[in-house]
N, C-alpha and C. Protein backbone atom coordinates (compact mmCIF):
# COMPACT_ATOMS: atom_id res chain seq x y z
N MET A 1 122.30 -9.58 100.90
CA MET A 1 122.93 -8.75 101.86
C MET A 1 124.40 -8.61 101.50
N GLN A 2 124.81 -7.40 101.48
CA GLN A 2 126.23 -7.12 101.15
C GLN A 2 126.98 -6.77 102.42
N ILE A 3 128.18 -7.30 102.50
CA ILE A 3 129.09 -6.96 103.62
C ILE A 3 130.02 -5.86 103.14
N ARG A 4 129.96 -4.77 103.84
CA ARG A 4 130.83 -3.67 103.43
C ARG A 4 132.13 -3.73 104.26
N THR A 5 133.18 -3.72 103.55
CA THR A 5 134.48 -3.59 104.22
C THR A 5 135.11 -2.29 103.77
N SER A 6 135.39 -1.53 104.69
CA SER A 6 135.97 -0.22 104.39
C SER A 6 137.46 -0.25 104.69
N ARG A 7 138.23 -0.07 103.68
CA ARG A 7 139.69 -0.02 103.85
C ARG A 7 140.10 1.43 103.65
N GLY A 8 140.09 2.18 104.74
CA GLY A 8 140.42 3.59 104.67
C GLY A 8 141.93 3.76 104.59
N SER A 9 142.31 5.01 104.49
CA SER A 9 143.75 5.27 104.42
C SER A 9 144.34 5.11 105.81
N GLY A 10 145.41 4.35 105.89
CA GLY A 10 146.06 4.09 107.16
C GLY A 10 147.12 3.03 106.94
N PHE A 11 147.85 2.73 107.98
CA PHE A 11 148.90 1.75 107.91
C PHE A 11 148.54 0.53 108.70
N THR A 12 148.97 -0.59 108.20
CA THR A 12 148.75 -1.83 108.93
C THR A 12 149.85 -1.98 109.98
N LEU A 13 149.63 -2.84 110.91
CA LEU A 13 150.60 -3.10 111.97
C LEU A 13 151.91 -3.59 111.38
N VAL A 14 151.87 -4.40 110.39
CA VAL A 14 153.08 -4.94 109.78
C VAL A 14 153.89 -3.83 109.13
N GLU A 15 153.24 -2.92 108.45
CA GLU A 15 153.95 -1.80 107.81
C GLU A 15 154.63 -0.90 108.85
N ILE A 16 153.95 -0.63 109.93
CA ILE A 16 154.53 0.18 110.98
C ILE A 16 155.72 -0.52 111.63
N MET A 17 155.62 -1.82 111.85
CA MET A 17 156.71 -2.59 112.43
C MET A 17 157.93 -2.58 111.52
N ILE A 18 157.74 -2.67 110.23
CA ILE A 18 158.84 -2.65 109.27
C ILE A 18 159.54 -1.28 109.32
N VAL A 19 158.76 -0.20 109.36
CA VAL A 19 159.33 1.15 109.40
C VAL A 19 160.14 1.31 110.70
N VAL A 20 159.60 0.88 111.81
CA VAL A 20 160.32 0.98 113.09
C VAL A 20 161.60 0.16 113.06
N ALA A 21 161.59 -0.98 112.45
CA ALA A 21 162.79 -1.84 112.36
C ALA A 21 163.84 -1.15 111.50
N ILE A 22 163.45 -0.53 110.41
CA ILE A 22 164.38 0.18 109.53
C ILE A 22 165.01 1.37 110.27
N ILE A 23 164.18 2.12 110.98
CA ILE A 23 164.71 3.28 111.73
C ILE A 23 165.68 2.80 112.83
N GLY A 24 165.37 1.73 113.48
CA GLY A 24 166.27 1.16 114.51
C GLY A 24 167.60 0.72 113.90
N LEU A 25 167.55 0.12 112.73
CA LEU A 25 168.79 -0.31 112.06
C LEU A 25 169.64 0.90 111.68
N LEU A 26 169.01 1.92 111.12
CA LEU A 26 169.74 3.13 110.77
C LEU A 26 170.36 3.80 111.98
N ALA A 27 169.64 3.84 113.08
CA ALA A 27 170.15 4.42 114.32
C ALA A 27 171.33 3.62 114.84
N ALA A 28 171.24 2.31 114.75
CA ALA A 28 172.34 1.45 115.25
C ALA A 28 173.61 1.67 114.42
N ILE A 29 173.47 2.04 113.18
CA ILE A 29 174.63 2.33 112.33
C ILE A 29 175.13 3.75 112.58
N ALA A 30 174.26 4.72 112.73
CA ALA A 30 174.65 6.13 112.78
C ALA A 30 175.20 6.57 114.14
N ILE A 31 174.64 6.11 115.23
CA ILE A 31 175.02 6.62 116.57
C ILE A 31 176.48 6.36 116.88
N PRO A 32 177.04 5.19 116.64
CA PRO A 32 178.48 5.02 116.91
C PRO A 32 179.36 5.94 116.05
N ASN A 33 178.94 6.25 114.82
CA ASN A 33 179.72 7.14 113.99
C ASN A 33 179.70 8.56 114.55
N PHE A 34 178.58 9.01 115.08
CA PHE A 34 178.50 10.33 115.68
C PHE A 34 179.37 10.40 116.94
N VAL A 35 179.39 9.36 117.74
CA VAL A 35 180.21 9.32 118.95
C VAL A 35 181.69 9.39 118.56
N LYS A 36 182.07 8.63 117.52
CA LYS A 36 183.44 8.63 117.08
C LYS A 36 183.84 10.00 116.54
N ALA A 37 182.98 10.64 115.79
CA ALA A 37 183.26 11.97 115.24
C ALA A 37 183.45 12.97 116.35
N ARG A 38 182.62 12.90 117.40
CA ARG A 38 182.75 13.83 118.55
C ARG A 38 184.08 13.60 119.26
N THR A 39 184.47 12.37 119.49
CA THR A 39 185.73 12.07 120.16
C THR A 39 186.92 12.58 119.32
N THR A 40 186.86 12.37 118.02
CA THR A 40 187.92 12.84 117.15
C THR A 40 188.02 14.37 117.18
N ALA A 41 186.89 15.03 117.15
CA ALA A 41 186.88 16.51 117.22
C ALA A 41 187.47 17.01 118.53
N GLN A 42 187.15 16.37 119.63
CA GLN A 42 187.69 16.75 120.93
C GLN A 42 189.21 16.55 120.96
N THR A 43 189.68 15.45 120.45
CA THR A 43 191.11 15.17 120.40
C THR A 43 191.83 16.22 119.55
N ASN A 44 191.29 16.52 118.37
CA ASN A 44 191.93 17.50 117.50
C ASN A 44 191.95 18.88 118.14
N THR A 45 190.92 19.28 118.80
CA THR A 45 190.86 20.56 119.50
C THR A 45 191.87 20.60 120.63
N CYS A 46 191.98 19.53 121.37
CA CYS A 46 192.96 19.45 122.47
C CYS A 46 194.38 19.57 121.94
N ILE A 47 194.70 18.88 120.85
CA ILE A 47 196.02 18.95 120.26
C ILE A 47 196.31 20.36 119.76
N ALA A 48 195.32 21.00 119.15
CA ALA A 48 195.50 22.40 118.71
C ALA A 48 195.76 23.33 119.89
N ASN A 49 195.06 23.12 120.98
CA ASN A 49 195.29 23.91 122.19
C ASN A 49 196.70 23.70 122.73
N LEU A 50 197.16 22.44 122.73
CA LEU A 50 198.51 22.15 123.20
C LEU A 50 199.57 22.83 122.34
N LYS A 51 199.35 22.86 121.03
CA LYS A 51 200.29 23.55 120.12
C LYS A 51 200.28 25.02 120.36
N GLN A 52 199.13 25.59 120.64
CA GLN A 52 199.06 27.01 120.91
C GLN A 52 199.78 27.35 122.24
N ILE A 53 199.61 26.51 123.23
CA ILE A 53 200.30 26.71 124.50
C ILE A 53 201.81 26.58 124.28
N GLU A 54 202.24 25.60 123.49
CA GLU A 54 203.67 25.42 123.21
C GLU A 54 204.25 26.65 122.55
N GLY A 55 203.53 27.22 121.59
CA GLY A 55 203.99 28.45 120.95
C GLY A 55 204.08 29.61 121.92
N ALA A 56 203.09 29.69 122.83
CA ALA A 56 203.09 30.77 123.82
C ALA A 56 204.26 30.63 124.78
N VAL A 57 204.58 29.39 125.17
CA VAL A 57 205.72 29.14 126.08
C VAL A 57 207.01 29.57 125.39
N GLN A 58 207.17 29.20 124.13
CA GLN A 58 208.40 29.58 123.41
C GLN A 58 208.51 31.08 123.26
N GLN A 59 207.40 31.74 122.95
CA GLN A 59 207.42 33.21 122.81
C GLN A 59 207.75 33.86 124.15
N TRP A 60 207.14 33.35 125.23
CA TRP A 60 207.42 33.87 126.57
C TRP A 60 208.90 33.72 126.91
N ALA A 61 209.47 32.55 126.58
CA ALA A 61 210.88 32.29 126.90
C ALA A 61 211.78 33.25 126.12
N LEU A 62 211.44 33.51 124.87
CA LEU A 62 212.24 34.45 124.09
C LEU A 62 212.14 35.88 124.65
N GLU A 63 210.94 36.30 124.96
CA GLU A 63 210.73 37.67 125.43
C GLU A 63 211.35 37.90 126.81
N GLU A 64 211.32 36.87 127.65
CA GLU A 64 211.86 36.97 128.99
C GLU A 64 213.30 36.49 129.10
N LYS A 65 213.87 36.08 127.96
CA LYS A 65 215.26 35.58 127.91
C LYS A 65 215.50 34.45 128.90
N LYS A 66 214.58 33.48 128.86
CA LYS A 66 214.67 32.30 129.76
C LYS A 66 215.42 31.17 129.05
N PRO A 67 216.24 30.42 129.78
CA PRO A 67 216.94 29.27 129.16
C PRO A 67 215.97 28.10 128.96
N ALA A 68 216.45 27.08 128.23
CA ALA A 68 215.62 25.93 127.87
C ALA A 68 215.05 25.19 129.09
N GLY A 69 215.77 25.13 130.18
CA GLY A 69 215.34 24.36 131.34
C GLY A 69 214.56 25.19 132.33
N ALA A 70 214.23 26.44 132.03
CA ALA A 70 213.55 27.30 132.98
C ALA A 70 212.13 26.84 133.24
N ALA A 71 211.73 26.96 134.50
CA ALA A 71 210.36 26.56 134.89
C ALA A 71 209.36 27.59 134.35
N VAL A 72 208.20 27.10 133.96
CA VAL A 72 207.13 27.96 133.42
C VAL A 72 205.79 27.42 133.85
N THR A 73 204.81 28.29 134.04
CA THR A 73 203.45 27.91 134.35
C THR A 73 202.50 28.58 133.38
N LEU A 74 201.26 28.12 133.36
CA LEU A 74 200.26 28.76 132.49
C LEU A 74 200.05 30.22 132.91
N THR A 75 200.20 30.52 134.18
CA THR A 75 200.06 31.90 134.64
C THR A 75 201.16 32.77 134.03
N ASP A 76 202.37 32.25 133.92
CA ASP A 76 203.48 33.02 133.34
C ASP A 76 203.15 33.44 131.90
N ILE A 77 202.64 32.52 131.10
CA ILE A 77 202.42 32.85 129.70
C ILE A 77 201.14 33.64 129.45
N SER A 78 200.31 33.81 130.46
CA SER A 78 199.11 34.64 130.28
C SER A 78 199.26 36.01 130.90
N GLY A 79 200.44 36.27 131.48
CA GLY A 79 200.69 37.54 132.15
C GLY A 79 201.03 38.65 131.19
N ASP A 80 201.50 39.78 131.73
CA ASP A 80 201.82 40.96 130.95
C ASP A 80 203.00 40.75 130.02
N ALA A 81 203.82 39.72 130.26
CA ALA A 81 205.00 39.52 129.42
C ALA A 81 204.61 39.20 127.98
N THR A 82 203.47 38.57 127.78
CA THR A 82 203.03 38.24 126.42
C THR A 82 201.75 38.97 126.11
N LYS A 83 201.88 40.26 125.91
CA LYS A 83 200.71 41.10 125.72
C LYS A 83 199.91 40.68 124.48
N GLN A 84 200.58 40.20 123.44
CA GLN A 84 199.89 39.78 122.23
C GLN A 84 199.02 38.56 122.50
N LEU A 85 199.40 37.74 123.44
CA LEU A 85 198.67 36.50 123.67
C LEU A 85 197.66 36.63 124.81
N LYS A 86 197.66 37.75 125.53
CA LYS A 86 196.74 37.89 126.66
C LYS A 86 195.34 37.76 126.13
N GLY A 87 194.54 36.93 126.73
CA GLY A 87 193.18 36.67 126.27
C GLY A 87 193.12 35.42 125.42
N ALA A 88 194.12 35.21 124.56
CA ALA A 88 194.14 34.01 123.73
C ALA A 88 194.57 32.80 124.58
N ILE A 89 195.52 33.03 125.44
CA ILE A 89 195.98 31.97 126.37
C ILE A 89 195.63 32.46 127.77
N ASN A 90 194.83 31.73 128.48
CA ASN A 90 194.54 32.13 129.85
C ASN A 90 194.59 30.90 130.76
N THR A 91 194.57 31.15 132.02
CA THR A 91 194.70 30.06 132.98
C THR A 91 193.47 29.20 133.06
N ASP A 92 192.37 29.61 132.43
CA ASP A 92 191.14 28.82 132.46
C ASP A 92 191.01 27.89 131.26
N ILE A 93 192.03 27.83 130.41
CA ILE A 93 191.91 26.98 129.20
C ILE A 93 191.85 25.52 129.62
N ASN A 94 190.86 24.81 129.09
CA ASN A 94 190.66 23.41 129.43
C ASN A 94 190.48 22.57 128.18
N CYS A 95 190.79 21.32 128.34
CA CYS A 95 190.63 20.35 127.27
C CYS A 95 189.12 20.17 127.04
N PRO A 96 188.68 20.08 125.76
CA PRO A 96 187.25 19.84 125.50
C PRO A 96 186.76 18.49 126.01
N ALA A 97 187.69 17.57 126.26
CA ALA A 97 187.31 16.25 126.77
C ALA A 97 187.27 16.25 128.30
N GLY A 98 187.48 17.40 128.92
CA GLY A 98 187.38 17.50 130.38
C GLY A 98 188.70 17.50 131.10
N GLY A 99 189.82 17.48 130.39
CA GLY A 99 191.14 17.49 131.00
C GLY A 99 191.63 18.90 131.30
N THR A 100 192.80 18.97 131.87
CA THR A 100 193.45 20.27 132.13
C THR A 100 194.86 20.21 131.54
N TYR A 101 195.41 21.38 131.26
CA TYR A 101 196.73 21.47 130.66
C TYR A 101 197.77 21.82 131.73
N ALA A 102 199.00 21.38 131.51
CA ALA A 102 200.10 21.70 132.41
C ALA A 102 201.35 21.88 131.61
N VAL A 103 202.18 22.85 132.06
CA VAL A 103 203.52 23.03 131.48
C VAL A 103 204.50 22.99 132.63
N THR A 104 205.71 22.51 132.36
CA THR A 104 206.71 22.41 133.40
C THR A 104 207.92 23.29 133.13
N THR A 105 208.61 23.01 132.02
CA THR A 105 209.77 23.79 131.66
C THR A 105 209.63 24.26 130.20
N VAL A 106 210.51 25.17 129.84
CA VAL A 106 210.44 25.76 128.49
C VAL A 106 210.66 24.69 127.43
N ASP A 107 211.60 23.75 127.69
CA ASP A 107 211.90 22.76 126.68
C ASP A 107 210.99 21.52 126.69
N ALA A 108 210.15 21.42 127.68
CA ALA A 108 209.20 20.26 127.74
C ALA A 108 207.89 20.63 127.04
N LEU A 109 207.29 19.67 126.39
CA LEU A 109 206.01 19.90 125.73
C LEU A 109 204.90 20.00 126.77
N PRO A 110 203.89 20.82 126.53
CA PRO A 110 202.75 20.86 127.46
C PRO A 110 202.01 19.54 127.41
N THR A 111 201.34 19.23 128.51
CA THR A 111 200.61 17.97 128.59
C THR A 111 199.15 18.20 128.94
N CYS A 112 198.34 17.19 128.64
CA CYS A 112 196.92 17.21 128.96
C CYS A 112 196.66 16.08 129.95
N SER A 113 195.85 16.32 130.93
CA SER A 113 195.56 15.30 131.95
C SER A 113 194.80 14.11 131.40
N VAL A 114 194.14 14.30 130.25
CA VAL A 114 193.43 13.17 129.61
C VAL A 114 194.40 12.18 129.07
N GLY A 115 195.51 12.63 128.49
CA GLY A 115 196.56 11.76 127.98
C GLY A 115 196.09 10.97 126.77
N GLY A 116 196.68 9.82 126.56
CA GLY A 116 196.32 8.99 125.42
C GLY A 116 196.66 9.66 124.12
N THR A 117 195.67 9.94 123.30
CA THR A 117 195.91 10.55 122.01
C THR A 117 195.99 12.06 122.09
N HIS A 118 195.85 12.64 123.27
CA HIS A 118 195.90 14.07 123.44
C HIS A 118 197.34 14.53 123.68
N VAL A 119 198.21 14.28 122.73
CA VAL A 119 199.60 14.68 122.85
C VAL A 119 200.06 15.30 121.54
N ILE A 120 201.05 16.18 121.61
CA ILE A 120 201.63 16.77 120.41
C ILE A 120 202.62 15.79 119.86
N THR A 121 202.53 15.52 118.58
CA THR A 121 203.53 14.68 117.91
C THR A 121 204.38 15.56 117.02
N GLN A 122 205.68 15.44 117.19
CA GLN A 122 206.55 16.31 116.38
C GLN A 122 207.30 15.48 115.38
């Protein structure tokens, strides 16, 4: 009497466990890098927005002949005074990290409510 053992194509439990462990290890390495890349991209976008707002404030001040200490708002720089910037700078502009922008005077740099690394460095 012969005992037939059929070893068909398939994976053993040990092989599947090894593959799952390798995938888990790769995910543990990759996910923090993706989160860091997203945070860096948000910070860089916020800084670019702040620089654009700063340029718009300076242009508005020149066109309106405002002194360095003059008060300014986001509404001022999105109005008819800066026709070239209308649409590019609007009062709905927000930080990609969820913050909001504010400007106070012509000579002050715009700020982001998120703060931290979201500042213009000159």
